[in-house]
Amino acid sequence: YFVHIIMPQAIWTTVATAVLYRIVLSINRR
């Protein structure tokens, strides 16, 4: 479960955060 679900999900969520966080930040500023 850790190798096939937890780690890939954590990595994809981290990548999504790195990419999409700036968009959420600009919406928050507005």
Full PDB file with SEQRES, HELIX, SHEET, SSBOND, CRYST1, ORIGX, SCALE, CONECT and MASTER records, all heavy atoms in Angstrom:
SEQRES   1 A   30  TYR PHE VAL HIS ILE ILE MET PRO GLN ALA ILE TRP THR          
SEQRES   2 A   30  THR VAL ALA THR ALA VAL LEU TYR ARG ILE VAL LEU SER          
SEQRES   3 A   30  ILE ASN ARG ARG                                              
HELIX    1 AA1 PHE A    2  ILE A    6  3                                   5    
HELIX    2 AA2 MET A    7  ARG A   29  1                                  23    
CRYST1    1.000    1.000    1.000  90.00  90.00  90.00 P 1           1          
ORIGX1      1.000000  0.000000  0.000000        0.00000                         
ORIGX2      0.000000  1.000000  0.000000        0.00000                         
ORIGX3      0.000000  0.000000  1.000000        0.00000                         
SCALE1      1.000000  0.000000  0.000000        0.00000                         
SCALE2      0.000000  1.000000  0.000000        0.00000                         
SCALE3      0.000000  0.000000  1.000000        0.00000                         
ATOM      1  N   TYR A   1       0.829  -1.205   0.000  1.00  0.00           N  
ATOM      2  CA  TYR A   1       0.000   0.000   0.000  1.00  0.00           C  
ATOM      3  C   TYR A   1       0.867   1.260   0.000  1.00  0.00           C  
ATOM      4  O   TYR A   1       0.576   2.224  -0.692  1.00  0.00           O  
ATOM      5  CB  TYR A   1      -0.931  -0.025   1.215  1.00  0.00           C  
ATOM      6  CG  TYR A   1      -1.994   1.039   1.194  1.00  0.00           C  
ATOM      7  CD1 TYR A   1      -3.159   0.872   0.449  1.00  0.00           C  
ATOM      8  CD2 TYR A   1      -1.846   2.208   1.918  1.00  0.00           C  
ATOM      9  CE1 TYR A   1      -4.147   1.833   0.427  1.00  0.00           C  
ATOM     10  CE2 TYR A   1      -2.827   3.188   1.904  1.00  0.00           C  
ATOM     11  CZ  TYR A   1      -3.966   2.993   1.163  1.00  0.00           C  
ATOM     12  OH  TYR A   1      -4.933   3.962   1.139  1.00  0.00           O  
ATOM     13  N   PHE A   2       1.951   1.226   0.778  1.00  0.00           N  
ATOM     14  CA  PHE A   2       2.838   2.388   0.860  1.00  0.00           C  
ATOM     15  C   PHE A   2       3.524   2.651  -0.479  1.00  0.00           C  
ATOM     16  O   PHE A   2       3.571   3.788  -0.946  1.00  0.00           O  
ATOM     17  CB  PHE A   2       3.889   2.178   1.962  1.00  0.00           C  
ATOM     18  CG  PHE A   2       4.770   3.363   2.180  1.00  0.00           C  
ATOM     19  CD1 PHE A   2       4.308   4.442   2.902  1.00  0.00           C  
ATOM     20  CD2 PHE A   2       6.054   3.403   1.652  1.00  0.00           C  
ATOM     21  CE1 PHE A   2       5.115   5.553   3.104  1.00  0.00           C  
ATOM     22  CE2 PHE A   2       6.860   4.504   1.847  1.00  0.00           C  
ATOM     23  CZ  PHE A   2       6.385   5.586   2.571  1.00  0.00           C  
ATOM     24  N   VAL A   3       4.047   1.606  -1.098  1.00  0.00           N  
ATOM     25  CA  VAL A   3       4.789   1.774  -2.354  1.00  0.00           C  
ATOM     26  C   VAL A   3       3.872   2.103  -3.524  1.00  0.00           C  
ATOM     27  O   VAL A   3       4.200   2.945  -4.356  1.00  0.00           O  
ATOM     28  CB  VAL A   3       5.618   0.505  -2.657  1.00  0.00           C  
ATOM     29  CG1 VAL A   3       6.186   0.524  -4.059  1.00  0.00           C  
ATOM     30  CG2 VAL A   3       6.722   0.341  -1.632  1.00  0.00           C  
ATOM     31  N   HIS A   4       2.723   1.469  -3.593  1.00  0.00           N  
ATOM     32  CA  HIS A   4       1.867   1.611  -4.770  1.00  0.00           C  
ATOM     33  C   HIS A   4       0.771   2.653  -4.651  1.00  0.00           C  
ATOM     34  O   HIS A   4       0.218   3.069  -5.673  1.00  0.00           O  
ATOM     35  CB  HIS A   4       1.234   0.269  -5.130  1.00  0.00           C  
ATOM     36  CG  HIS A   4       2.243  -0.738  -5.587  1.00  0.00           C  
ATOM     37  ND1 HIS A   4       3.175  -0.482  -6.547  1.00  0.00           N  
ATOM     38  CD2 HIS A   4       2.480  -2.001  -5.168  1.00  0.00           C  
ATOM     39  CE1 HIS A   4       3.936  -1.539  -6.742  1.00  0.00           C  
ATOM     40  NE2 HIS A   4       3.544  -2.473  -5.906  1.00  0.00           N  
ATOM     41  N   ILE A   5       0.445   3.083  -3.444  1.00  0.00           N  
ATOM     42  CA  ILE A   5      -0.638   4.058  -3.299  1.00  0.00           C  
ATOM     43  C   ILE A   5      -0.187   5.311  -2.555  1.00  0.00           C  
ATOM     44  O   ILE A   5      -0.321   6.421  -3.070  1.00  0.00           O  
ATOM     45  CB  ILE A   5      -1.864   3.418  -2.611  1.00  0.00           C  
ATOM     46  CG1 ILE A   5      -2.428   2.340  -3.530  1.00  0.00           C  
ATOM     47  CG2 ILE A   5      -2.916   4.459  -2.290  1.00  0.00           C  
ATOM     48  CD1 ILE A   5      -3.528   1.517  -2.959  1.00  0.00           C  
ATOM     49  N   ILE A   6       0.372   5.147  -1.369  1.00  0.00           N  
ATOM     50  CA  ILE A   6       0.710   6.316  -0.556  1.00  0.00           C  
ATOM     51  C   ILE A   6       1.785   7.171  -1.213  1.00  0.00           C  
ATOM     52  O   ILE A   6       1.602   8.382  -1.382  1.00  0.00           O  
ATOM     53  CB  ILE A   6       1.133   5.901   0.873  1.00  0.00           C  
ATOM     54  CG1 ILE A   6      -0.057   5.304   1.628  1.00  0.00           C  
ATOM     55  CG2 ILE A   6       1.684   7.091   1.643  1.00  0.00           C  
ATOM     56  CD1 ILE A   6       0.289   4.782   3.007  1.00  0.00           C  
ATOM     57  N   MET A   7       2.914   6.583  -1.580  1.00  0.00           N  
ATOM     58  CA  MET A   7       4.008   7.384  -2.154  1.00  0.00           C  
ATOM     59  C   MET A   7       3.651   8.007  -3.506  1.00  0.00           C  
ATOM     60  O   MET A   7       3.904   9.198  -3.713  1.00  0.00           O  
ATOM     61  CB  MET A   7       5.294   6.552  -2.254  1.00  0.00           C  
ATOM     62  CG  MET A   7       6.000   6.403  -0.938  1.00  0.00           C  
ATOM     63  SD  MET A   7       6.308   7.960  -0.067  1.00  0.00           S  
ATOM     64  CE  MET A   7       7.489   8.734  -1.128  1.00  0.00           C  
ATOM     65  N   PRO A   8       3.079   7.269  -4.454  1.00  0.00           N  
ATOM     66  CA  PRO A   8       2.707   7.939  -5.715  1.00  0.00           C  
ATOM     67  C   PRO A   8       1.695   9.064  -5.511  1.00  0.00           C  
ATOM     68  O   PRO A   8       1.811  10.124  -6.113  1.00  0.00           O  
ATOM     69  CB  PRO A   8       2.104   6.813  -6.566  1.00  0.00           C  
ATOM     70  CG  PRO A   8       2.675   5.571  -6.020  1.00  0.00           C  
ATOM     71  CD  PRO A   8       2.873   5.814  -4.552  1.00  0.00           C  
ATOM     72  N   GLN A   9       0.725   8.833  -4.636  1.00  0.00           N  
ATOM     73  CA  GLN A   9      -0.271   9.875  -4.374  1.00  0.00           C  
ATOM     74  C   GLN A   9       0.383  11.088  -3.727  1.00  0.00           C  
ATOM     75  O   GLN A   9       0.068  12.228  -4.073  1.00  0.00           O  
ATOM     76  CB  GLN A   9      -1.368   9.330  -3.460  1.00  0.00           C  
ATOM     77  CG  GLN A   9      -2.540  10.239  -3.341  1.00  0.00           C  
ATOM     78  CD  GLN A   9      -3.737   9.735  -4.090  1.00  0.00           C  
ATOM     79  OE1 GLN A   9      -3.847   8.548  -4.323  1.00  0.00           O  
ATOM     80  NE2 GLN A   9      -4.631  10.600  -4.463  1.00  0.00           N  
ATOM     81  N   ALA A  10       1.289  10.874  -2.793  1.00  0.00           N  
ATOM     82  CA  ALA A  10       1.992  11.985  -2.140  1.00  0.00           C  
ATOM     83  C   ALA A  10       2.850  12.749  -3.148  1.00  0.00           C  
ATOM     84  O   ALA A  10       2.891  13.984  -3.137  1.00  0.00           O  
ATOM     85  CB  ALA A  10       2.847  11.464  -0.991  1.00  0.00           C  
ATOM     86  N   ILE A  11       3.502  12.038  -4.025  1.00  0.00           N  
ATOM     87  CA  ILE A  11       4.345  12.693  -5.038  1.00  0.00           C  
ATOM     88  C   ILE A  11       3.482  13.505  -6.006  1.00  0.00           C  
ATOM     89  O   ILE A  11       3.790  14.660  -6.312  1.00  0.00           O  
ATOM     90  CB  ILE A  11       5.216  11.656  -5.775  1.00  0.00           C  
ATOM     91  CG1 ILE A  11       6.274  11.117  -4.812  1.00  0.00           C  
ATOM     92  CG2 ILE A  11       5.858  12.257  -7.026  1.00  0.00           C  
ATOM     93  CD1 ILE A  11       7.012   9.901  -5.321  1.00  0.00           C  
ATOM     94  N   TRP A  12       2.375  12.921  -6.499  1.00  0.00           N  
ATOM     95  CA  TRP A  12       1.505  13.643  -7.428  1.00  0.00           C  
ATOM     96  C   TRP A  12       0.853  14.854  -6.772  1.00  0.00           C  
ATOM     97  O   TRP A  12       0.707  15.912  -7.388  1.00  0.00           O  
ATOM     98  CB  TRP A  12       0.429  12.731  -8.015  1.00  0.00           C  
ATOM     99  CG  TRP A  12       0.938  11.834  -9.088  1.00  0.00           C  
ATOM    100  CD1 TRP A  12       0.992  10.482  -9.061  1.00  0.00           C  
ATOM    101  CD2 TRP A  12       1.489  12.227 -10.346  1.00  0.00           C  
ATOM    102  NE1 TRP A  12       1.546  10.010 -10.218  1.00  0.00           N  
ATOM    103  CE2 TRP A  12       1.850  11.062 -11.031  1.00  0.00           C  
ATOM    104  CE3 TRP A  12       1.712  13.454 -10.963  1.00  0.00           C  
ATOM    105  CZ2 TRP A  12       2.428  11.076 -12.289  1.00  0.00           C  
ATOM    106  CZ3 TRP A  12       2.287  13.473 -12.222  1.00  0.00           C  
ATOM    107  CH2 TRP A  12       2.634  12.296 -12.870  1.00  0.00           C  
ATOM    108  N   THR A  13       0.466  14.727  -5.518  1.00  0.00           N  
ATOM    109  CA  THR A  13      -0.125  15.860  -4.805  1.00  0.00           C  
ATOM    110  C   THR A  13       0.899  16.967  -4.616  1.00  0.00           C  
ATOM    111  O   THR A  13       0.588  18.151  -4.761  1.00  0.00           O  
ATOM    112  CB  THR A  13      -0.694  15.404  -3.447  1.00  0.00           C  
ATOM    113  OG1 THR A  13      -1.669  14.387  -3.691  1.00  0.00           O  
ATOM    114  CG2 THR A  13      -1.336  16.557  -2.696  1.00  0.00           C  
ATOM    115  N   THR A  14       2.143  16.591  -4.320  1.00  0.00           N  
ATOM    116  CA  THR A  14       3.212  17.573  -4.163  1.00  0.00           C  
ATOM    117  C   THR A  14       3.499  18.283  -5.477  1.00  0.00           C  
ATOM    118  O   THR A  14       3.675  19.502  -5.510  1.00  0.00           O  
ATOM    119  CB  THR A  14       4.483  16.891  -3.622  1.00  0.00           C  
ATOM    120  OG1 THR A  14       4.157  16.210  -2.412  1.00  0.00           O  
ATOM    121  CG2 THR A  14       5.577  17.892  -3.375  1.00  0.00           C  
ATOM    122  N   VAL A  15       3.535  17.537  -6.576  1.00  0.00           N  
ATOM    123  CA  VAL A  15       3.755  18.149  -7.895  1.00  0.00           C  
ATOM    124  C   VAL A  15       2.600  19.086  -8.242  1.00  0.00           C  
ATOM    125  O   VAL A  15       2.810  20.201  -8.736  1.00  0.00           O  
ATOM    126  CB  VAL A  15       3.936  17.057  -8.980  1.00  0.00           C  
ATOM    127  CG1 VAL A  15       3.901  17.644 -10.375  1.00  0.00           C  
ATOM    128  CG2 VAL A  15       5.239  16.307  -8.754  1.00  0.00           C  
ATOM    129  N   ALA A  16       1.374  18.656  -7.972  1.00  0.00           N  
ATOM    130  CA  ALA A  16       0.210  19.513  -8.233  1.00  0.00           C  
ATOM    131  C   ALA A  16       0.268  20.774  -7.393  1.00  0.00           C  
ATOM    132  O   ALA A  16      -0.075  21.864  -7.856  1.00  0.00           O  
ATOM    133  CB  ALA A  16      -1.086  18.754  -7.953  1.00  0.00           C  
ATOM    134  N   THR A  17       0.723  20.654  -6.157  1.00  0.00           N  
ATOM    135  CA  THR A  17       0.856  21.829  -5.295  1.00  0.00           C  
ATOM    136  C   THR A  17       1.893  22.786  -5.856  1.00  0.00           C  
ATOM    137  O   THR A  17       1.659  23.996  -5.906  1.00  0.00           O  
ATOM    138  CB  THR A  17       1.242  21.411  -3.862  1.00  0.00           C  
ATOM    139  OG1 THR A  17       0.226  20.555  -3.352  1.00  0.00           O  
ATOM    140  CG2 THR A  17       1.405  22.608  -2.963  1.00  0.00           C  
ATOM    141  N   ALA A  18       3.023  22.257  -6.288  1.00  0.00           N  
ATOM    142  CA  ALA A  18       4.073  23.111  -6.841  1.00  0.00           C  
ATOM    143  C   ALA A  18       3.602  23.846  -8.094  1.00  0.00           C  
ATOM    144  O   ALA A  18       3.976  24.996  -8.330  1.00  0.00           O  
ATOM    145  CB  ALA A  18       5.316  22.283  -7.155  1.00  0.00           C  
ATOM    146  N   VAL A  19       2.751  23.198  -8.879  1.00  0.00           N  
ATOM    147  CA  VAL A  19       2.276  23.808 -10.126  1.00  0.00           C  
ATOM    148  C   VAL A  19       1.085  24.735  -9.886  1.00  0.00           C  
ATOM    149  O   VAL A  19       1.052  25.859 -10.394  1.00  0.00           O  
ATOM    150  CB  VAL A  19       1.897  22.696 -11.144  1.00  0.00           C  
ATOM    151  CG1 VAL A  19       1.228  23.278 -12.365  1.00  0.00           C  
ATOM    152  CG2 VAL A  19       3.139  21.905 -11.528  1.00  0.00           C  
ATOM    153  N   LEU A  20       0.103  24.302  -9.105  1.00  0.00           N  
ATOM    154  CA  LEU A  20      -1.154  25.031  -8.978  1.00  0.00           C  
ATOM    155  C   LEU A  20      -1.223  25.988  -7.794  1.00  0.00           C  
ATOM    156  O   LEU A  20      -2.162  26.778  -7.706  1.00  0.00           O  
ATOM    157  CB  LEU A  20      -2.309  24.041  -8.884  1.00  0.00           C  
ATOM    158  CG  LEU A  20      -2.509  23.145 -10.093  1.00  0.00           C  
ATOM    159  CD1 LEU A  20      -3.600  22.135  -9.834  1.00  0.00           C  
ATOM    160  CD2 LEU A  20      -2.828  23.978 -11.317  1.00  0.00           C  
ATOM    161  N   TYR A  21      -0.251  25.938  -6.908  1.00  0.00           N  
ATOM    162  CA  TYR A  21      -0.309  26.777  -5.716  1.00  0.00           C  
ATOM    163  C   TYR A  21      -0.311  28.261  -6.067  1.00  0.00           C  
ATOM    164  O   TYR A  21      -0.995  29.055  -5.441  1.00  0.00           O  
ATOM    165  CB  TYR A  21       0.850  26.444  -4.773  1.00  0.00           C  
ATOM    166  CG  TYR A  21       0.838  27.292  -3.546  1.00  0.00           C  
ATOM    167  CD1 TYR A  21      -0.095  27.048  -2.541  1.00  0.00           C  
ATOM    168  CD2 TYR A  21       1.714  28.348  -3.394  1.00  0.00           C  
ATOM    169  CE1 TYR A  21      -0.137  27.842  -1.418  1.00  0.00           C  
ATOM    170  CE2 TYR A  21       1.679  29.139  -2.273  1.00  0.00           C  
ATOM    171  CZ  TYR A  21       0.759  28.883  -1.291  1.00  0.00           C  
ATOM    172  OH  TYR A  21       0.709  29.675  -0.183  1.00  0.00           O  
ATOM    173  N   ARG A  22       0.446  28.644  -7.057  1.00  0.00           N  
ATOM    174  CA  ARG A  22       0.504  30.063  -7.460  1.00  0.00           C  
ATOM    175  C   ARG A  22      -0.867  30.568  -7.914  1.00  0.00           C  
ATOM    176  O   ARG A  22      -1.216  31.716  -7.688  1.00  0.00           O  
ATOM    177  CB  ARG A  22       1.530  30.275  -8.570  1.00  0.00           C  
ATOM    178  CG  ARG A  22       2.938  29.930  -8.192  1.00  0.00           C  
ATOM    179  CD  ARG A  22       3.552  31.048  -7.429  1.00  0.00           C  
ATOM    180  NE  ARG A  22       4.941  30.697  -7.131  1.00  0.00           N  
ATOM    181  CZ  ARG A  22       5.638  31.258  -6.195  1.00  0.00           C  
ATOM    182  NH1 ARG A  22       5.116  32.199  -5.464  1.00  0.00           N  
ATOM    183  NH2 ARG A  22       6.867  30.883  -5.967  1.00  0.00           N  
ATOM    184  N   ILE A  23      -1.635  29.709  -8.559  1.00  0.00           N  
ATOM    185  CA  ILE A  23      -2.975  30.101  -8.999  1.00  0.00           C  
ATOM    186  C   ILE A  23      -3.877  30.339  -7.787  1.00  0.00           C  
ATOM    187  O   ILE A  23      -4.578  31.360  -7.716  1.00  0.00           O  
ATOM    188  CB  ILE A  23      -3.576  29.017  -9.926  1.00  0.00           C  
ATOM    189  CG1 ILE A  23      -2.750  28.904 -11.205  1.00  0.00           C  
ATOM    190  CG2 ILE A  23      -5.035  29.310 -10.237  1.00  0.00           C  
ATOM    191  CD1 ILE A  23      -3.093  27.718 -12.064  1.00  0.00           C  
ATOM    192  N   VAL A  24      -3.836  29.423  -6.830  1.00  0.00           N  
ATOM    193  CA  VAL A  24      -4.639  29.578  -5.619  1.00  0.00           C  
ATOM    194  C   VAL A  24      -4.178  30.812  -4.847  1.00  0.00           C  
ATOM    195  O   VAL A  24      -4.998  31.560  -4.301  1.00  0.00           O  
ATOM    196  CB  VAL A  24      -4.558  28.306  -4.750  1.00  0.00           C  
ATOM    197  CG1 VAL A  24      -5.281  28.489  -3.433  1.00  0.00           C  
ATOM    198  CG2 VAL A  24      -5.126  27.115  -5.497  1.00  0.00           C  
ATOM    199  N   LEU A  25      -2.878  31.060  -4.831  1.00  0.00           N  
ATOM    200  CA  LEU A  25      -2.333  32.233  -4.154  1.00  0.00           C  
ATOM    201  C   LEU A  25      -2.829  33.527  -4.798  1.00  0.00           C  
ATOM    202  O   LEU A  25      -3.229  34.467  -4.099  1.00  0.00           O  
ATOM    203  CB  LEU A  25      -0.805  32.194  -4.168  1.00  0.00           C  
ATOM    204  CG  LEU A  25      -0.066  33.331  -3.490  1.00  0.00           C  
ATOM    205  CD1 LEU A  25      -0.378  33.360  -2.008  1.00  0.00           C  
ATOM    206  CD2 LEU A  25       1.425  33.182  -3.718  1.00  0.00           C  
ATOM    207  N   SER A  26      -2.845  33.595  -6.122  1.00  0.00           N  
ATOM    208  CA  SER A  26      -3.327  34.814  -6.786  1.00  0.00           C  
ATOM    209  C   SER A  26      -4.829  35.011  -6.554  1.00  0.00           C  
ATOM    210  O   SER A  26      -5.287  36.148  -6.390  1.00  0.00           O  
ATOM    211  CB  SER A  26      -3.004  34.783  -8.275  1.00  0.00           C  
ATOM    212  OG  SER A  26      -3.763  33.808  -8.942  1.00  0.00           O  
ATOM    213  N   ILE A  27      -5.589  33.933  -6.520  1.00  0.00           N  
ATOM    214  CA  ILE A  27      -7.018  34.041  -6.217  1.00  0.00           C  
ATOM    215  C   ILE A  27      -7.204  34.545  -4.791  1.00  0.00           C  
ATOM    216  O   ILE A  27      -8.053  35.414  -4.536  1.00  0.00           O  
ATOM    217  CB  ILE A  27      -7.723  32.686  -6.439  1.00  0.00           C  
ATOM    218  CG1 ILE A  27      -7.758  32.342  -7.922  1.00  0.00           C  
ATOM    219  CG2 ILE A  27      -9.127  32.692  -5.848  1.00  0.00           C  
ATOM    220  CD1 ILE A  27      -8.207  30.936  -8.234  1.00  0.00           C  
ATOM    221  N   ASN A  28      -6.409  34.054  -3.858  1.00  0.00           N  
ATOM    222  CA  ASN A  28      -6.487  34.505  -2.474  1.00  0.00           C  
ATOM    223  C   ASN A  28      -6.139  35.987  -2.362  1.00  0.00           C  
ATOM    224  O   ASN A  28      -6.784  36.724  -1.622  1.00  0.00           O  
ATOM    225  CB  ASN A  28      -5.561  33.672  -1.588  1.00  0.00           C  
ATOM    226  CG  ASN A  28      -5.643  34.072  -0.146  1.00  0.00           C  
ATOM    227  OD1 ASN A  28      -6.728  34.202   0.399  1.00  0.00           O  
ATOM    228  ND2 ASN A  28      -4.494  34.281   0.469  1.00  0.00           N  
ATOM    229  N   ARG A  29      -5.143  36.433  -3.080  1.00  0.00           N  
ATOM    230  CA  ARG A  29      -4.773  37.858  -3.060  1.00  0.00           C  
ATOM    231  C   ARG A  29      -5.903  38.723  -3.584  1.00  0.00           C  
ATOM    232  O   ARG A  29      -6.195  39.787  -3.032  1.00  0.00           O  
ATOM    233  CB  ARG A  29      -3.509  38.091  -3.869  1.00  0.00           C  
ATOM    234  CG  ARG A  29      -2.274  37.634  -3.165  1.00  0.00           C  
ATOM    235  CD  ARG A  29      -1.049  37.979  -3.962  1.00  0.00           C  
ATOM    236  NE  ARG A  29       0.134  37.545  -3.247  1.00  0.00           N  
ATOM    237  CZ  ARG A  29       1.243  37.164  -3.829  1.00  0.00           C  
ATOM    238  NH1 ARG A  29       1.348  37.161  -5.144  1.00  0.00           N  
ATOM    239  NH2 ARG A  29       2.273  36.776  -3.103  1.00  0.00           N  
ATOM    240  N   ARG A  30      -6.546  38.293  -4.655  1.00  0.00           N  
ATOM    241  CA  ARG A  30      -7.675  39.055  -5.197  1.00  0.00           C  
ATOM    242  C   ARG A  30      -8.834  39.107  -4.203  1.00  0.00           C  
ATOM    243  O   ARG A  30      -9.493  40.134  -4.067  1.00  0.00           O  
ATOM    244  CB  ARG A  30      -8.144  38.447  -6.509  1.00  0.00           C  
ATOM    245  CG  ARG A  30      -7.190  38.707  -7.640  1.00  0.00           C  
ATOM    246  CD  ARG A  30      -7.721  38.165  -8.941  1.00  0.00           C  
ATOM    247  NE  ARG A  30      -6.698  38.253  -9.969  1.00  0.00           N  
ATOM    248  CZ  ARG A  30      -6.551  37.396 -10.935  1.00  0.00           C  
ATOM    249  NH1 ARG A  30      -7.379  36.369 -11.049  1.00  0.00           N  
ATOM    250  NH2 ARG A  30      -5.598  37.539 -11.818  1.00  0.00           N  
TER     251      ARG A  30                                                      
MASTER        0    0    0    2    0    0    0    6  250    1    0    3          
END                                                                             
